[in-house]
C-alpha atoms as a PDB file:
ATOM      1  CA  MET A   1     -23.805 -86.000  20.650  1.00  0.00           C
ATOM      2  CA  LYS A   2     -23.729 -82.649  22.603  1.00  0.00           C
ATOM      3  CA  THR A   3     -23.263 -80.955  19.191  1.00  0.00           C
ATOM      4  CA  LEU A   4     -25.994 -82.649  17.459  1.00  0.00           C
ATOM      5  CA  THR A   5     -28.438 -82.365  20.178  1.00  0.00           C
ATOM      6  CA  ARG A   6     -27.832 -78.520  20.164  1.00  0.00           C
ATOM      7  CA  TRP A   7     -28.032 -78.447  16.210  1.00  0.00           C
ATOM      8  CA  MET A   8     -31.450 -80.254  16.454  1.00  0.00           C
ATOM      9  CA  LEU A   9     -32.603 -77.948  19.197  1.00  0.00           C
ATOM     10  CA  LEU A  10     -31.596 -74.862  17.420  1.00  0.00           C
ATOM     11  CA  ALA A  11     -33.386 -76.159  14.351  1.00  0.00           C
ATOM     12  CA  ALA A  12     -36.534 -76.491  16.323  1.00  0.00           C
ATOM     13  CA  ALA A  13     -36.010 -72.761  17.862  1.00  0.00           C
ATOM     14  CA  LEU A  14     -36.007 -71.868  14.169  1.00  0.00           C
ATOM     15  CA  LEU A  15     -39.544 -73.568  13.615  1.00  0.00           C
ATOM     16  CA  LEU A  16     -40.581 -71.779  16.883  1.00  0.00           C
ATOM     17  CA  VAL A  17     -39.581 -68.426  15.671  1.00  0.00           C
ATOM     18  CA  ALA A  18     -41.663 -69.021  12.461  1.00  0.00           C
ATOM     19  CA  HIS A  19     -44.679 -70.017  14.470  1.00  0.00           C
ATOM     20  CA  LEU A  20     -44.536 -67.157  16.901  1.00  0.00           C
ATOM     21  CA  TYR A  21     -43.647 -64.555  14.535  1.00  0.00           C
ATOM     22  CA  PRO A  22     -45.387 -64.366  11.053  1.00  0.00           C
ATOM     23  CA  GLY A  23     -42.562 -62.353   9.272  1.00  0.00           C
ATOM     24  CA  VAL A  24     -40.223 -65.363   9.350  1.00  0.00           C
ATOM     25  CA  GLN A  25     -41.318 -68.369   7.421  1.00  0.00           C
ATOM     26  CA  VAL A  26     -39.648 -72.122   7.403  1.00  0.00           C
ATOM     27  CA  LYS A  27     -40.763 -74.645   5.301  1.00  0.00           C
ATOM     28  CA  GLY A  28     -39.954 -77.649   7.297  1.00  0.00           C
ATOM     29  CA  PHE A  29     -37.583 -79.321   9.656  1.00  0.00           C
ATOM     30  CA  VAL A  30     -35.175 -80.130   7.016  1.00  0.00           C
ATOM     31  CA  THR A  31     -35.015 -76.673   6.098  1.00  0.00           C
ATOM     32  CA  ALA A  32     -34.743 -75.380   9.735  1.00  0.00           C
ATOM     33  CA  LEU A  33     -31.555 -77.712  10.128  1.00  0.00           C
ATOM     34  CA  ILE A  34     -30.076 -76.435   7.127  1.00  0.00           C
ATOM     35  CA  ALA A  35     -30.663 -72.581   8.259  1.00  0.00           C
ATOM     36  CA  ALA A  36     -29.331 -73.499  11.897  1.00  0.00           C
ATOM     37  CA  PHE A  37     -25.981 -74.826  10.099  1.00  0.00           C
ATOM     38  CA  VAL A  38     -25.878 -71.978   7.745  1.00  0.00           C
ATOM     39  CA  LEU A  39     -26.657 -69.420  10.619  1.00  0.00           C
ATOM     40  CA  GLY A  40     -24.073 -70.852  12.849  1.00  0.00           C
ATOM     41  CA  LEU A  41     -21.294 -71.047   9.969  1.00  0.00           C
ATOM     42  CA  PHE A  42     -22.427 -67.135   9.725  1.00  0.00           C
ATOM     43  CA  ASN A  43     -21.910 -66.550  13.231  1.00  0.00           C
ATOM     44  CA  THR A  44     -18.498 -68.211  13.289  1.00  0.00           C
ATOM     45  CA  ILE A  45     -16.804 -66.806  10.368  1.00  0.00           C
ATOM     46  CA  LEU A  46     -18.643 -63.409   9.405  1.00  0.00           C
ATOM     47  CA  ARG A  47     -19.912 -62.165  12.981  1.00  0.00           C
ATOM     48  CA  PRO A  48     -16.461 -61.583  14.215  1.00  0.00           C
ATOM     49  CA  VAL A  49     -15.498 -59.558  11.237  1.00  0.00           C
ATOM     50  CA  LEU A  50     -18.178 -57.547  11.386  1.00  0.00           C
ATOM     51  CA  VAL A  51     -18.154 -56.947  15.060  1.00  0.00           C
ATOM     52  CA  LEU A  52     -14.580 -55.920  14.638  1.00  0.00           C
ATOM     53  CA  LEU A  53     -15.322 -53.475  11.622  1.00  0.00           C
ATOM     54  CA  THR A  54     -18.180 -51.969  13.360  1.00  0.00           C
ATOM     55  CA  LEU A  55     -16.567 -51.506  16.923  1.00  0.00           C
ATOM     56  CA  PRO A  56     -16.780 -47.611  16.770  1.00  0.00           C
ATOM     57  CA  VAL A  57     -20.490 -47.729  16.196  1.00  0.00           C
ATOM     58  CA  THR A  58     -20.798 -50.669  18.939  1.00  0.00           C
ATOM     59  CA  LEU A  59     -19.008 -48.575  21.207  1.00  0.00           C
ATOM     60  CA  LEU A  60     -21.007 -45.662  20.703  1.00  0.00           C
ATOM     61  CA  THR A  61     -24.273 -47.193  20.970  1.00  0.00           C
ATOM     62  CA  LEU A  62     -23.274 -49.108  24.058  1.00  0.00           C
ATOM     63  CA  GLY A  63     -23.406 -52.550  22.414  1.00  0.00           C
ATOM     64  CA  LEU A  64     -26.919 -52.081  20.824  1.00  0.00           C
ATOM     65  CA  PHE A  65     -25.397 -52.408  17.187  1.00  0.00           C
ATOM     66  CA  LEU A  66     -24.607 -55.981  18.025  1.00  0.00           C
ATOM     67  CA  PHE A  67     -28.551 -56.368  17.533  1.00  0.00           C
ATOM     68  CA  VAL A  68     -28.232 -54.998  14.149  1.00  0.00           C
ATOM     69  CA  ILE A  69     -25.365 -57.342  13.049  1.00  0.00           C
ATOM     70  CA  ASN A  70     -27.181 -60.504  14.582  1.00  0.00           C
ATOM     71  CA  ALA A  71     -30.468 -59.490  12.381  1.00  0.00           C
ATOM     72  CA  LEU A  72     -28.081 -59.024   9.334  1.00  0.00           C
ATOM     73  CA  LEU A  73     -26.757 -62.450   9.742  1.00  0.00           C
ATOM     74  CA  PHE A  74     -30.435 -63.641  10.364  1.00  0.00           C
ATOM     75  CA  TRP A  75     -31.525 -61.781   7.217  1.00  0.00           C
ATOM     76  CA  ALA A  76     -28.335 -63.004   5.166  1.00  0.00           C
ATOM     77  CA  THR A  77     -29.148 -66.534   5.971  1.00  0.00           C
ATOM     78  CA  ALA A  78     -32.813 -66.122   4.572  1.00  0.00           C
ATOM     79  CA  THR A  79     -31.378 -64.673   1.560  1.00  0.00           C
ATOM     80  CA  VAL A  80     -28.955 -67.709   0.996  1.00  0.00           C
ATOM     81  CA  LEU A  81     -31.522 -70.434   1.487  1.00  0.00           C
ATOM     82  CA  ASP A  82     -34.652 -71.479  -0.201  1.00  0.00           C
ATOM     83  CA  GLY A  83     -37.616 -72.608   2.218  1.00  0.00           C
ATOM     84  CA  PHE A  84     -36.489 -69.846   4.919  1.00  0.00           C
ATOM     85  CA  THR A  85     -38.024 -66.744   4.368  1.00  0.00           C
ATOM     86  CA  VAL A  86     -37.760 -63.530   6.504  1.00  0.00           C
ATOM     87  CA  ALA A  87     -40.237 -60.489   5.319  1.00  0.00           C
ATOM     88  CA  GLY A  88     -37.615 -57.556   5.687  1.00  0.00           C
ATOM     89  CA  PHE A  89     -35.144 -55.957   8.228  1.00  0.00           C
ATOM     90  CA  GLY A  90     -37.726 -55.903  11.035  1.00  0.00           C
ATOM     91  CA  ALA A  91     -38.684 -59.365  11.040  1.00  0.00           C
ATOM     92  CA  ALA A  92     -35.035 -60.202  10.908  1.00  0.00           C
ATOM     93  CA  LEU A  93     -34.623 -58.239  13.999  1.00  0.00           C
ATOM     94  CA  ILE A  94     -37.484 -59.687  15.901  1.00  0.00           C
ATOM     95  CA  GLY A  95     -36.790 -63.126  14.621  1.00  0.00           C
ATOM     96  CA  SER A  96     -33.072 -62.792  15.816  1.00  0.00           C
ATOM     97  CA  LEU A  97     -34.028 -61.797  19.033  1.00  0.00           C
ATOM     98  CA  ILE A  98     -36.613 -64.662  19.649  1.00  0.00           C
ATOM     99  CA  TYR A  99     -33.774 -67.114  18.173  1.00  0.00           C
ATOM    100  CA  SER A 100     -31.343 -65.662  20.692  1.00  0.00           C
ATOM    101  CA  LEU A 101     -33.403 -66.087  23.674  1.00  0.00           C
ATOM    102  CA  CYS A 102     -34.090 -69.503  22.525  1.00  0.00           C
ATOM    103  CA  GLY A 103     -30.335 -70.128  21.858  1.00  0.00           C
ATOM    104  CA  MET A 104     -29.628 -69.229  25.347  1.00  0.00           C
ATOM    105  CA  ALA A 105     -32.281 -71.340  26.837  1.00  0.00           C
ATOM    106  CA  ILE A 106     -31.009 -74.285  24.883  1.00  0.00           C
ATOM    107  CA  ASP A 107     -27.266 -73.521  25.917  1.00  0.00           C
ATOM    108  CA  VAL A 108     -28.224 -73.730  29.633  1.00  0.00           C
ATOM    109  CA  LEU A 109     -30.345 -77.199  28.711  1.00  0.00           C
ATOM    110  CA  ILE A 110     -27.712 -78.545  26.964  1.00  0.00           C
ATOM    111  CA  GLU A 111     -25.455 -77.801  30.038  1.00  0.00           C
ATOM    112  CA  ARG A 112     -27.792 -79.640  32.348  1.00  0.00           C
ATOM    113  CA  LEU A 113     -28.089 -82.451  30.003  1.00  0.00           C
ATOM    114  CA  PHE A 114     -24.499 -82.876  29.171  1.00  0.00           C
ATOM    115  CA  PRO A 115     -22.104 -81.848  32.219  1.00  0.00           C
ATOM    116  CA  ASP A 116     -18.654 -81.783  31.554  1.00  0.00           C
ATOM    117  CA  ALA A 117     -16.637 -84.473  33.095  1.00  0.00           C
ATOM    118  CA  GLU A 118     -14.030 -82.925  35.298  1.00  0.00           C
END
């Protein structure tokens, strides 16, 4: 139930990003659900590999290059799916920042809604 709620809220966050920033467009809630799923897969599978491969650059930039990796994954998700479009790399960077902030708020909310039973 916790995972399903988080997935729905992340899809709603994608719709919010599209509403707040015109460089990101999402056709509808079903497209946002699929995009949130694909973005989650990319973050689970590709992100650790990219972070490892770009570790020297990330260290030189004091971690700021991680924003570039997030933007690339956000942009890659848009290129894979129909109905989810990102205008360019700048739009992907801003969109991924807004989406990450929403994701952090969603994680706090989920932890309050579903506290772990100890």
